[in-house]
Each structure stands twice: as C-alpha cells, then as structure tokens.
N, C-alpha and C. Protein backbone atom coordinates (compact mmCIF):
# COMPACT_ATOMS: atom_id res chain seq x y z
N MET A 1 0.82 -1.17 0.02
CA MET A 1 0.01 -0.01 0.05
C MET A 1 0.92 1.25 0.00
N THR A 2 0.63 2.17 -0.81
CA THR A 2 1.26 3.40 -0.96
C THR A 2 0.58 4.55 -0.35
N THR A 3 1.27 5.42 0.50
CA THR A 3 0.57 6.47 1.11
C THR A 3 1.12 7.76 0.42
N ALA A 4 0.30 8.78 0.72
CA ALA A 4 0.73 10.08 0.17
C ALA A 4 2.04 10.57 0.63
N ALA A 5 2.42 10.21 1.81
CA ALA A 5 3.75 10.54 2.36
C ALA A 5 4.95 9.93 1.62
N THR A 6 4.68 8.72 1.07
CA THR A 6 5.76 8.07 0.35
C THR A 6 5.80 8.38 -1.11
N THR A 7 4.66 9.02 -1.61
CA THR A 7 4.73 9.44 -3.03
C THR A 7 4.92 10.92 -3.29
N ASP A 8 4.67 11.69 -2.35
CA ASP A 8 4.79 13.18 -2.48
C ASP A 8 6.22 13.59 -2.12
N PRO A 9 6.97 13.94 -3.09
CA PRO A 9 8.39 14.37 -2.80
C PRO A 9 8.50 15.57 -1.83
N ASP A 10 7.53 16.54 -1.92
CA ASP A 10 7.59 17.65 -0.98
C ASP A 10 7.35 17.22 0.38
N ARG A 11 6.41 16.32 0.57
CA ARG A 11 6.11 15.89 1.87
C ARG A 11 7.30 15.11 2.44
N ALA A 12 7.93 14.21 1.64
CA ALA A 12 9.07 13.53 2.11
C ALA A 12 10.24 14.49 2.40
N ARG A 13 10.33 15.63 1.78
CA ARG A 13 11.37 16.60 2.12
C ARG A 13 11.02 17.26 3.44
N GLN A 14 9.66 17.51 3.63
CA GLN A 14 9.28 18.09 4.92
C GLN A 14 9.57 17.30 6.08
N LEU A 15 9.27 15.93 5.94
CA LEU A 15 9.49 15.01 6.95
C LEU A 15 10.98 14.83 7.37
N GLU A 16 11.74 14.87 6.24
CA GLU A 16 13.19 14.83 6.41
C GLU A 16 13.73 15.99 7.21
N ALA A 17 13.19 17.23 6.86
CA ALA A 17 13.57 18.40 7.58
C ALA A 17 13.17 18.32 8.98
N VAL A 18 12.00 17.77 9.38
CA VAL A 18 11.51 17.65 10.70
C VAL A 18 12.48 16.71 11.47
N LEU A 19 12.82 15.61 10.78
CA LEU A 19 13.82 14.68 11.40
C LEU A 19 15.09 15.35 11.74
N ASP A 20 15.67 16.07 10.71
CA ASP A 20 16.98 16.73 10.89
C ASP A 20 16.85 17.67 11.99
N ALA A 21 15.86 18.50 12.11
CA ALA A 21 15.73 19.53 13.21
C ALA A 21 15.58 18.75 14.56
N ALA A 22 14.83 17.68 14.64
CA ALA A 22 14.69 16.96 15.80
C ALA A 22 15.94 16.36 16.31
N LEU A 23 16.77 15.87 15.25
CA LEU A 23 18.10 15.32 15.68
C LEU A 23 19.06 16.54 16.12
N ASN A 24 18.97 17.65 15.60
CA ASN A 24 19.68 18.77 16.04
C ASN A 24 19.39 19.15 17.45
N VAL A 25 17.98 19.12 17.79
CA VAL A 25 17.57 19.46 19.16
C VAL A 25 18.06 18.43 20.14
N LEU A 26 17.96 17.16 19.78
CA LEU A 26 18.39 16.20 20.73
C LEU A 26 19.89 16.22 20.89
N GLY A 27 20.59 16.55 19.86
CA GLY A 27 22.06 16.68 19.98
C GLY A 27 22.51 17.83 20.81
N ALA A 28 21.62 19.00 20.69
CA ALA A 28 21.94 20.15 21.45
C ALA A 28 21.61 19.87 22.97
N ARG A 29 20.56 19.17 23.13
CA ARG A 29 20.20 18.80 24.47
C ARG A 29 21.28 17.91 25.11
N CYS A 30 21.81 16.98 24.45
CA CYS A 30 22.84 16.11 25.01
C CYS A 30 24.19 16.91 25.28
N ASP A 31 24.37 17.96 24.54
CA ASP A 31 25.53 18.83 24.78
C ASP A 31 25.18 19.88 25.82
N ARG A 32 23.95 19.93 26.26
CA ARG A 32 23.47 20.90 27.21
C ARG A 32 23.52 22.38 26.60
N MET A 33 23.28 22.37 25.21
CA MET A 33 23.24 23.64 24.53
C MET A 33 22.01 23.63 23.62
N LEU A 34 20.98 24.29 24.06
CA LEU A 34 19.75 24.36 23.33
C LEU A 34 19.35 25.81 23.27
N GLY A 35 19.39 26.43 22.19
CA GLY A 35 19.16 27.91 22.05
C GLY A 35 18.00 28.15 21.17
N LEU A 36 17.91 29.38 20.99
CA LEU A 36 16.81 29.97 20.14
C LEU A 36 16.94 29.45 18.70
N ASP A 37 18.14 29.35 18.22
CA ASP A 37 18.28 28.90 16.87
C ASP A 37 17.79 27.49 16.63
N GLU A 38 18.03 26.62 17.56
CA GLU A 38 17.50 25.32 17.54
C GLU A 38 16.04 25.13 17.51
N TRP A 39 15.51 25.95 18.58
CA TRP A 39 14.02 26.03 18.67
C TRP A 39 13.42 26.60 17.47
N THR A 40 13.97 27.67 16.87
CA THR A 40 13.38 28.30 15.74
C THR A 40 13.46 27.22 14.50
N ALA A 41 14.56 26.55 14.37
CA ALA A 41 14.69 25.58 13.25
C ALA A 41 13.61 24.56 13.40
N LEU A 42 13.46 24.09 14.60
CA LEU A 42 12.29 23.03 14.87
C LEU A 42 11.02 23.50 14.48
N ALA A 43 10.69 24.68 15.09
CA ALA A 43 9.43 25.32 14.94
C ALA A 43 9.05 25.63 13.47
N ARG A 44 10.11 26.02 12.71
CA ARG A 44 10.02 26.37 11.31
C ARG A 44 9.65 25.06 10.61
N THR A 45 10.25 23.99 10.78
CA THR A 45 10.03 22.77 10.02
C THR A 45 8.67 22.22 10.38
N VAL A 46 8.26 22.14 11.68
CA VAL A 46 7.02 21.65 12.15
C VAL A 46 5.93 22.52 11.50
N ALA A 47 6.16 23.79 11.47
CA ALA A 47 5.12 24.70 10.99
C ALA A 47 4.90 24.51 9.49
N ALA A 48 5.91 24.20 8.70
CA ALA A 48 5.80 24.00 7.30
C ALA A 48 5.08 22.67 7.08
N CYS A 49 5.26 21.65 7.84
CA CYS A 49 4.49 20.40 7.75
C CYS A 49 3.07 20.57 8.17
N GLN A 50 2.78 21.42 9.08
CA GLN A 50 1.41 21.69 9.53
C GLN A 50 0.62 22.76 8.80
N GLY A 51 1.35 23.45 7.84
CA GLY A 51 0.72 24.70 7.19
C GLY A 51 0.50 25.77 8.02
N GLN A 52 1.42 26.03 9.07
CA GLN A 52 1.21 27.10 10.04
C GLN A 52 2.43 28.05 9.83
N LYS A 53 2.41 29.07 10.70
CA LYS A 53 3.53 30.06 10.73
C LYS A 53 4.44 29.61 11.87
N THR A 54 5.76 29.81 11.73
CA THR A 54 6.72 29.46 12.68
C THR A 54 6.39 30.13 14.04
N ALA A 55 5.95 31.39 13.99
CA ALA A 55 5.65 32.20 15.20
C ALA A 55 4.63 31.47 16.07
N SER A 56 3.75 30.70 15.49
CA SER A 56 2.71 30.09 16.31
C SER A 56 3.24 28.96 17.28
N TYR A 57 4.60 28.51 16.98
CA TYR A 57 5.13 27.43 17.83
C TYR A 57 6.22 28.04 18.74
N LEU A 58 6.35 29.32 18.90
CA LEU A 58 7.34 30.06 19.64
C LEU A 58 6.65 30.86 20.80
N THR A 59 7.39 30.98 21.86
CA THR A 59 6.77 31.91 22.92
C THR A 59 6.98 33.43 22.52
N GLU A 60 6.20 34.09 23.30
CA GLU A 60 6.40 35.60 23.09
C GLU A 60 7.77 36.04 23.40
N ASP A 61 8.47 35.51 24.48
CA ASP A 61 9.77 35.84 24.81
C ASP A 61 10.78 35.45 23.59
N ASP A 62 10.42 34.35 22.93
CA ASP A 62 11.28 33.98 21.79
C ASP A 62 11.12 34.98 20.68
N LEU A 63 9.97 35.44 20.38
CA LEU A 63 9.66 36.34 19.31
C LEU A 63 10.33 37.70 19.61
N TYR A 64 10.40 38.16 20.86
CA TYR A 64 11.09 39.37 21.27
C TYR A 64 12.60 39.24 21.01
N ALA A 65 13.06 38.08 21.44
CA ALA A 65 14.48 37.77 21.23
C ALA A 65 14.85 37.73 19.79
N ILE A 66 13.94 37.20 18.90
CA ILE A 66 14.22 37.20 17.40
C ILE A 66 14.27 38.57 16.89
N ALA A 67 13.22 39.40 17.39
CA ALA A 67 13.17 40.79 16.93
C ALA A 67 14.45 41.60 17.31
N ALA A 68 15.03 41.27 18.49
CA ALA A 68 16.14 42.00 19.04
C ALA A 68 17.40 41.78 18.31
N ARG A 69 17.57 40.64 17.72
CA ARG A 69 18.84 40.26 17.06
C ARG A 69 18.55 39.90 15.65
N GLU A 70 19.72 39.79 14.90
CA GLU A 70 19.53 39.40 13.55
C GLU A 70 19.48 37.84 13.38
N VAL A 71 18.19 37.53 13.06
CA VAL A 71 17.91 36.01 12.77
C VAL A 71 17.32 35.93 11.43
N ALA A 72 17.55 34.91 10.65
CA ALA A 72 16.93 34.75 9.38
C ALA A 72 15.51 34.60 9.72
N TRP A 73 14.73 35.42 9.26
CA TRP A 73 13.20 35.43 9.55
C TRP A 73 12.46 36.03 8.40
N SER A 74 11.44 35.35 7.95
CA SER A 74 10.59 35.81 6.92
C SER A 74 9.10 35.97 7.51
N GLU A 75 8.66 37.16 7.62
CA GLU A 75 7.23 37.40 8.10
C GLU A 75 6.31 36.77 7.20
N ALA A 76 6.57 36.56 6.01
CA ALA A 76 5.61 35.93 5.10
C ALA A 76 5.38 34.48 5.38
N THR A 77 6.48 33.80 5.72
CA THR A 77 6.42 32.37 5.99
C THR A 77 6.41 32.07 7.48
N ASP A 78 7.13 32.89 8.22
CA ASP A 78 7.35 32.62 9.68
C ASP A 78 6.35 33.29 10.60
N GLY A 79 5.73 34.41 10.11
CA GLY A 79 4.82 35.16 10.86
C GLY A 79 5.46 36.41 11.46
N PRO A 80 4.59 37.27 12.08
CA PRO A 80 5.14 38.56 12.60
C PRO A 80 5.94 38.30 13.93
N VAL A 81 6.86 39.26 14.04
CA VAL A 81 7.61 39.34 15.37
C VAL A 81 7.23 40.74 15.90
N PRO A 82 7.38 40.84 17.26
CA PRO A 82 6.99 42.16 17.86
C PRO A 82 7.98 43.30 17.28
N ARG A 83 7.45 44.50 17.19
CA ARG A 83 8.35 45.63 16.79
C ARG A 83 8.93 46.18 18.05
N LEU A 84 10.14 46.41 17.91
CA LEU A 84 10.94 46.97 19.05
C LEU A 84 10.99 48.41 19.05
N GLU A 85 10.77 49.19 20.21
CA GLU A 85 10.86 50.58 20.10
C GLU A 85 12.31 50.97 20.14
N GLU A 86 12.72 52.03 19.26
CA GLU A 86 13.99 52.36 19.21
C GLU A 86 14.32 53.65 20.10
C-alpha cells in the first residue's frame, strides 16, 4: 500500500527536515546547549509540515529575542515578530 507521504516528494522533504531538526535538538540537549536557533529551526520545520507560521510555535519571549537580534526570519512564512521601540 502506498501512502501520500511516500509518493509526495515535497512531503518527504518536509518530513526529512523535521527529522533533521529533531536530531539537532536532541544533539543540542545532549551537549546541554539548546538555544533559540535550534528552537526556531524545529518550529519552522514543524510549521511547514502543519501549514502554520513558525511564530505560532514560539513563545512571546522567543519572538522578542528574534526581533532584538539578527535572525533569518521571513514574516511571510514565519509570521510577525514584535516591533521593538528604538
């Protein structure tokens, strides 16, 4: 029996990205180093698989931290981040 996940190359790429991100998170945990970059990578890949925005899987504190520093972020695909007052 063939499932959509095994026949759809985009879905297979998404699942591979989720696995890669999960492995990175587990590795970071083992090294006692788990930061915003790892959480964002995992949130981004899970969001892509779920048809959601990355921001919906992050905390408000995470979003403020992303807004405060230069992180690769696309509001179109990742969602909005809070605007910081200058």
